Structures are given as C-alpha cells and as structure tokens.
N, C-alpha and C. Protein backbone atom coordinates (compact mmCIF):
# COMPACT_ATOMS: atom_id res chain seq x y z
N MET A 1 90.02 252.44 49.00
CA MET A 1 89.90 251.74 50.26
C MET A 1 89.41 250.32 50.01
N LYS A 2 90.09 249.36 50.56
CA LYS A 2 89.75 247.95 50.36
C LYS A 2 88.66 247.52 51.34
N PHE A 3 87.71 246.74 50.83
CA PHE A 3 86.62 246.24 51.67
C PHE A 3 87.12 245.07 52.51
N ILE A 4 86.88 245.12 53.81
CA ILE A 4 87.27 244.04 54.71
C ILE A 4 86.01 243.54 55.41
N PRO A 5 85.65 242.26 55.21
CA PRO A 5 84.44 241.72 55.86
C PRO A 5 84.66 241.55 57.37
N LEU A 6 83.56 241.44 58.10
CA LEU A 6 83.64 241.27 59.55
C LEU A 6 84.18 239.89 59.94
N ILE A 7 83.81 238.87 59.17
CA ILE A 7 84.25 237.50 59.43
C ILE A 7 85.03 237.03 58.22
N ASP A 8 86.23 236.50 58.44
CA ASP A 8 87.07 236.09 57.32
C ASP A 8 86.71 234.67 56.88
N PHE A 9 85.66 234.56 56.09
CA PHE A 9 85.22 233.28 55.54
C PHE A 9 84.79 233.51 54.11
N ARG A 10 85.73 233.87 53.28
CA ARG A 10 85.42 234.18 51.88
C ARG A 10 85.26 232.90 51.08
N SER A 11 84.61 233.02 49.95
CA SER A 11 84.37 231.86 49.10
C SER A 11 85.55 231.66 48.14
N THR A 12 86.71 231.41 48.72
CA THR A 12 87.92 231.21 47.93
C THR A 12 88.11 229.75 47.51
N THR A 13 87.41 228.85 48.15
CA THR A 13 87.43 227.44 47.75
C THR A 13 86.02 227.01 47.39
N ILE A 14 85.92 225.90 46.70
CA ILE A 14 84.60 225.41 46.30
C ILE A 14 83.75 225.08 47.53
N MET A 15 84.36 224.50 48.54
CA MET A 15 83.62 224.14 49.76
C MET A 15 83.07 225.39 50.46
N ASN A 16 83.90 226.42 50.60
CA ASN A 16 83.43 227.66 51.22
C ASN A 16 82.32 228.31 50.41
N ALA A 17 82.46 228.30 49.08
CA ALA A 17 81.43 228.87 48.22
C ALA A 17 80.12 228.12 48.37
N PHE A 18 80.17 226.79 48.42
CA PHE A 18 78.95 225.99 48.60
C PHE A 18 78.31 226.28 49.94
N ILE A 19 79.11 226.38 50.99
CA ILE A 19 78.58 226.64 52.33
C ILE A 19 77.92 228.01 52.38
N LEU A 20 78.57 229.03 51.84
CA LEU A 20 77.99 230.37 51.85
C LEU A 20 76.71 230.43 51.02
N ASN A 21 76.71 229.78 49.87
CA ASN A 21 75.49 229.75 49.06
C ASN A 21 74.36 229.02 49.78
N ALA A 22 74.68 227.93 50.45
CA ALA A 22 73.66 227.18 51.19
C ALA A 22 73.09 228.03 52.34
N ILE A 23 73.95 228.79 53.01
CA ILE A 23 73.48 229.66 54.08
C ILE A 23 72.52 230.71 53.53
N VAL A 24 72.92 231.36 52.44
CA VAL A 24 72.08 232.40 51.84
C VAL A 24 70.74 231.82 51.40
N LEU A 25 70.77 230.70 50.69
CA LEU A 25 69.53 230.11 50.19
C LEU A 25 68.63 229.62 51.32
N ALA A 26 69.21 229.06 52.37
CA ALA A 26 68.40 228.59 53.49
C ALA A 26 67.71 229.75 54.19
N ILE A 27 68.42 230.86 54.37
CA ILE A 27 67.82 232.02 55.03
C ILE A 27 66.69 232.59 54.18
N ILE A 28 66.94 232.75 52.88
CA ILE A 28 65.92 233.31 51.99
C ILE A 28 64.70 232.40 51.93
N ALA A 29 64.90 231.10 51.80
CA ALA A 29 63.77 230.16 51.72
C ALA A 29 62.96 230.17 53.00
N THR A 30 63.64 230.16 54.14
CA THR A 30 62.94 230.14 55.42
C THR A 30 62.13 231.41 55.62
N LEU A 31 62.73 232.56 55.34
CA LEU A 31 62.00 233.81 55.52
C LEU A 31 60.85 233.95 54.53
N SER A 32 61.01 233.41 53.34
CA SER A 32 59.93 233.45 52.35
C SER A 32 58.74 232.60 52.77
N ILE A 33 59.02 231.43 53.30
CA ILE A 33 57.95 230.56 53.79
C ILE A 33 57.22 231.22 54.96
N GLU A 34 57.98 231.83 55.85
CA GLU A 34 57.36 232.51 56.98
C GLU A 34 56.53 233.72 56.52
N LEU A 35 57.00 234.41 55.48
CA LEU A 35 56.24 235.52 54.92
C LEU A 35 54.90 235.03 54.40
N ARG A 36 54.91 233.94 53.68
CA ARG A 36 53.66 233.40 53.14
C ARG A 36 52.71 232.97 54.26
N LYS A 37 53.26 232.37 55.31
CA LYS A 37 52.41 232.00 56.45
C LYS A 37 51.76 233.23 57.07
N LYS A 38 52.54 234.29 57.22
CA LYS A 38 52.01 235.53 57.80
C LYS A 38 50.94 236.13 56.90
N LEU A 39 51.16 236.08 55.58
CA LEU A 39 50.14 236.60 54.66
C LEU A 39 48.83 235.83 54.79
N ASP A 40 48.91 234.54 55.04
CA ASP A 40 47.70 233.74 55.19
C ASP A 40 47.00 234.01 56.52
N MET A 41 47.74 234.47 57.53
CA MET A 41 47.18 234.67 58.86
C MET A 41 46.65 236.08 59.09
N ILE A 42 47.21 237.08 58.43
CA ILE A 42 46.84 238.47 58.66
C ILE A 42 45.43 238.72 58.13
N ALA A 43 44.63 239.43 58.93
CA ALA A 43 43.23 239.67 58.57
C ALA A 43 43.10 240.53 57.31
N ILE A 44 44.03 241.44 57.09
CA ILE A 44 43.95 242.34 55.92
C ILE A 44 44.08 241.55 54.62
N THR A 45 44.91 240.52 54.62
CA THR A 45 45.16 239.77 53.38
C THR A 45 44.26 238.55 53.22
N LYS A 46 43.38 238.29 54.15
CA LYS A 46 42.49 237.13 54.03
C LYS A 46 41.55 237.24 52.83
N GLY A 47 41.16 238.46 52.46
CA GLY A 47 40.26 238.65 51.34
C GLY A 47 40.95 238.68 49.98
N LEU A 48 42.27 238.66 49.98
CA LEU A 48 43.00 238.71 48.71
C LEU A 48 42.93 237.37 47.99
N GLY A 49 43.00 237.43 46.66
CA GLY A 49 43.02 236.21 45.88
C GLY A 49 44.39 235.56 45.90
N GLU A 50 44.45 234.36 45.36
CA GLU A 50 45.70 233.60 45.34
C GLU A 50 46.78 234.30 44.50
N ASN A 51 46.38 234.88 43.38
CA ASN A 51 47.35 235.58 42.53
C ASN A 51 47.96 236.78 43.23
N ASN A 52 47.16 237.51 43.99
CA ASN A 52 47.68 238.66 44.74
C ASN A 52 48.66 238.21 45.83
N LYS A 53 48.34 237.11 46.50
CA LYS A 53 49.25 236.61 47.53
C LYS A 53 50.56 236.11 46.91
N ILE A 54 50.47 235.52 45.74
CA ILE A 54 51.68 235.08 45.04
C ILE A 54 52.55 236.29 44.69
N PHE A 55 51.92 237.35 44.18
CA PHE A 55 52.67 238.55 43.83
C PHE A 55 53.31 239.17 45.07
N LEU A 56 52.57 239.25 46.18
CA LEU A 56 53.13 239.79 47.42
C LEU A 56 54.29 238.93 47.93
N THR A 57 54.14 237.61 47.83
CA THR A 57 55.20 236.71 48.26
C THR A 57 56.44 236.87 47.39
N MET A 58 56.25 236.99 46.08
CA MET A 58 57.40 237.19 45.18
C MET A 58 58.10 238.51 45.47
N SER A 59 57.34 239.56 45.65
CA SER A 59 57.93 240.87 45.94
C SER A 59 58.67 240.85 47.28
N GLY A 60 58.05 240.24 48.27
CA GLY A 60 58.69 240.14 49.57
C GLY A 60 59.94 239.29 49.53
N THR A 61 59.91 238.20 48.77
CA THR A 61 61.07 237.34 48.65
C THR A 61 62.22 238.07 47.96
N PHE A 62 61.90 238.88 46.96
CA PHE A 62 62.92 239.69 46.29
C PHE A 62 63.59 240.63 47.29
N LEU A 63 62.80 241.32 48.08
CA LEU A 63 63.35 242.23 49.08
C LEU A 63 64.16 241.48 50.15
N ILE A 64 63.64 240.34 50.58
CA ILE A 64 64.37 239.51 51.54
C ILE A 64 65.71 239.09 50.95
N GLY A 65 65.72 238.69 49.69
CA GLY A 65 66.96 238.27 49.03
C GLY A 65 67.98 239.38 48.97
N ILE A 66 67.55 240.59 48.59
CA ILE A 66 68.47 241.72 48.53
C ILE A 66 69.06 242.02 49.90
N ILE A 67 68.22 242.01 50.92
CA ILE A 67 68.68 242.29 52.28
C ILE A 67 69.66 241.22 52.75
N VAL A 68 69.33 239.95 52.52
CA VAL A 68 70.20 238.85 52.96
C VAL A 68 71.54 238.91 52.24
N TYR A 69 71.53 239.15 50.93
CA TYR A 69 72.79 239.25 50.20
C TYR A 69 73.64 240.42 50.70
N CYS A 70 73.03 241.54 51.04
CA CYS A 70 73.79 242.67 51.58
C CYS A 70 74.40 242.33 52.94
N ILE A 71 73.62 241.67 53.78
CA ILE A 71 74.13 241.30 55.11
C ILE A 71 75.28 240.30 54.97
N ILE A 72 75.13 239.29 54.12
CA ILE A 72 76.18 238.29 53.94
C ILE A 72 77.41 238.93 53.30
N ARG A 73 77.21 239.92 52.44
CA ARG A 73 78.34 240.65 51.85
C ARG A 73 79.14 241.36 52.93
N ILE A 74 78.44 242.02 53.86
CA ILE A 74 79.12 242.74 54.93
C ILE A 74 79.81 241.77 55.89
N LEU A 75 79.12 240.67 56.22
CA LEU A 75 79.69 239.71 57.18
C LEU A 75 80.85 238.91 56.62
N PHE A 76 80.67 238.35 55.43
CA PHE A 76 81.64 237.39 54.89
C PHE A 76 82.37 237.85 53.63
N GLY A 77 82.02 239.00 53.07
CA GLY A 77 82.63 239.42 51.82
C GLY A 77 82.12 238.62 50.64
N PHE A 78 80.91 238.10 50.76
CA PHE A 78 80.31 237.25 49.73
C PHE A 78 80.10 238.06 48.45
N GLY A 79 80.47 237.50 47.32
CA GLY A 79 80.25 238.15 46.04
C GLY A 79 81.50 238.77 45.45
N ASP A 80 82.65 238.58 46.08
CA ASP A 80 83.89 239.13 45.53
C ASP A 80 84.21 238.58 44.16
N GLY A 81 83.78 237.37 43.88
CA GLY A 81 84.05 236.76 42.58
C GLY A 81 83.33 237.46 41.45
N LEU A 82 82.29 238.21 41.77
CA LEU A 82 81.55 238.94 40.75
C LEU A 82 82.20 240.27 40.40
N LEU A 83 83.21 240.64 41.14
CA LEU A 83 83.85 241.94 40.97
C LEU A 83 85.20 241.80 40.29
N ALA A 84 85.23 241.16 39.15
CA ALA A 84 86.48 240.97 38.42
C ALA A 84 86.96 242.30 37.87
N THR A 85 88.27 242.54 37.99
CA THR A 85 88.83 243.81 37.54
C THR A 85 89.56 243.69 36.21
N THR A 86 89.85 242.47 35.77
CA THR A 86 90.55 242.30 34.51
C THR A 86 89.65 241.60 33.50
N LEU A 87 89.89 241.83 32.26
CA LEU A 87 89.10 241.18 31.22
C LEU A 87 89.63 239.77 31.01
N SER A 88 88.72 238.82 30.86
CA SER A 88 89.13 237.45 30.60
C SER A 88 88.87 237.11 29.15
N LYS A 89 89.66 236.21 28.61
CA LYS A 89 89.48 235.78 27.23
C LYS A 89 88.30 234.82 27.13
N SER A 90 87.59 234.92 26.05
CA SER A 90 86.44 234.06 25.83
C SER A 90 86.91 232.64 25.55
N VAL A 91 86.22 231.68 26.12
CA VAL A 91 86.57 230.27 25.93
C VAL A 91 86.07 229.75 24.59
N LEU A 92 85.00 230.32 24.10
CA LEU A 92 84.41 229.84 22.85
C LEU A 92 85.17 230.29 21.65
C-alpha cells in the first residue's frame, strides 16, 4: 500500500524542501523555547539546578522533534527522500 499524504506538498524541489525544513525547524524551536519558559515558571522545577533544566529541555526537545516530524510526515509526506529503494553508486 502506497503512503499518500494529506496535503500534496512534497519536497520534490529544492524550494519545497527548504520550506518544509524551515517549517519543521521553526515549530521545534518555538516549542522548545516555550518548554524552557514553562520549566522556569513551574513551582516544581524552581528548585532544580541549571544542569537538570538543560537535561529536561533537551529531552523535551527530542520528544517535540519526533512528534513534529511524525505530524509533518503524515501531512506532507516529508522524509520520502530518506526511503531510497535502490542502491546508489559511491561517488568517492
């Protein structure tokens, strides 16, 4: 069964690939910044050290990234270029 995205905006050209990458990175960066702000505001994490907050932010950003990439995959079919089915010859 062939995968069909909800919105037909695949990264078949350089411009489309740049736009999709910019969308993904902007969403991940924005949500990561908001996560860090929330960690600084929540009473439970006020007593944590800076290293612990950095670790929580990194872990949260990783999860945010996985979720965003899955959503963009479903919406736009992002990542099809990573699913090569034929072997390519080495350039070196």
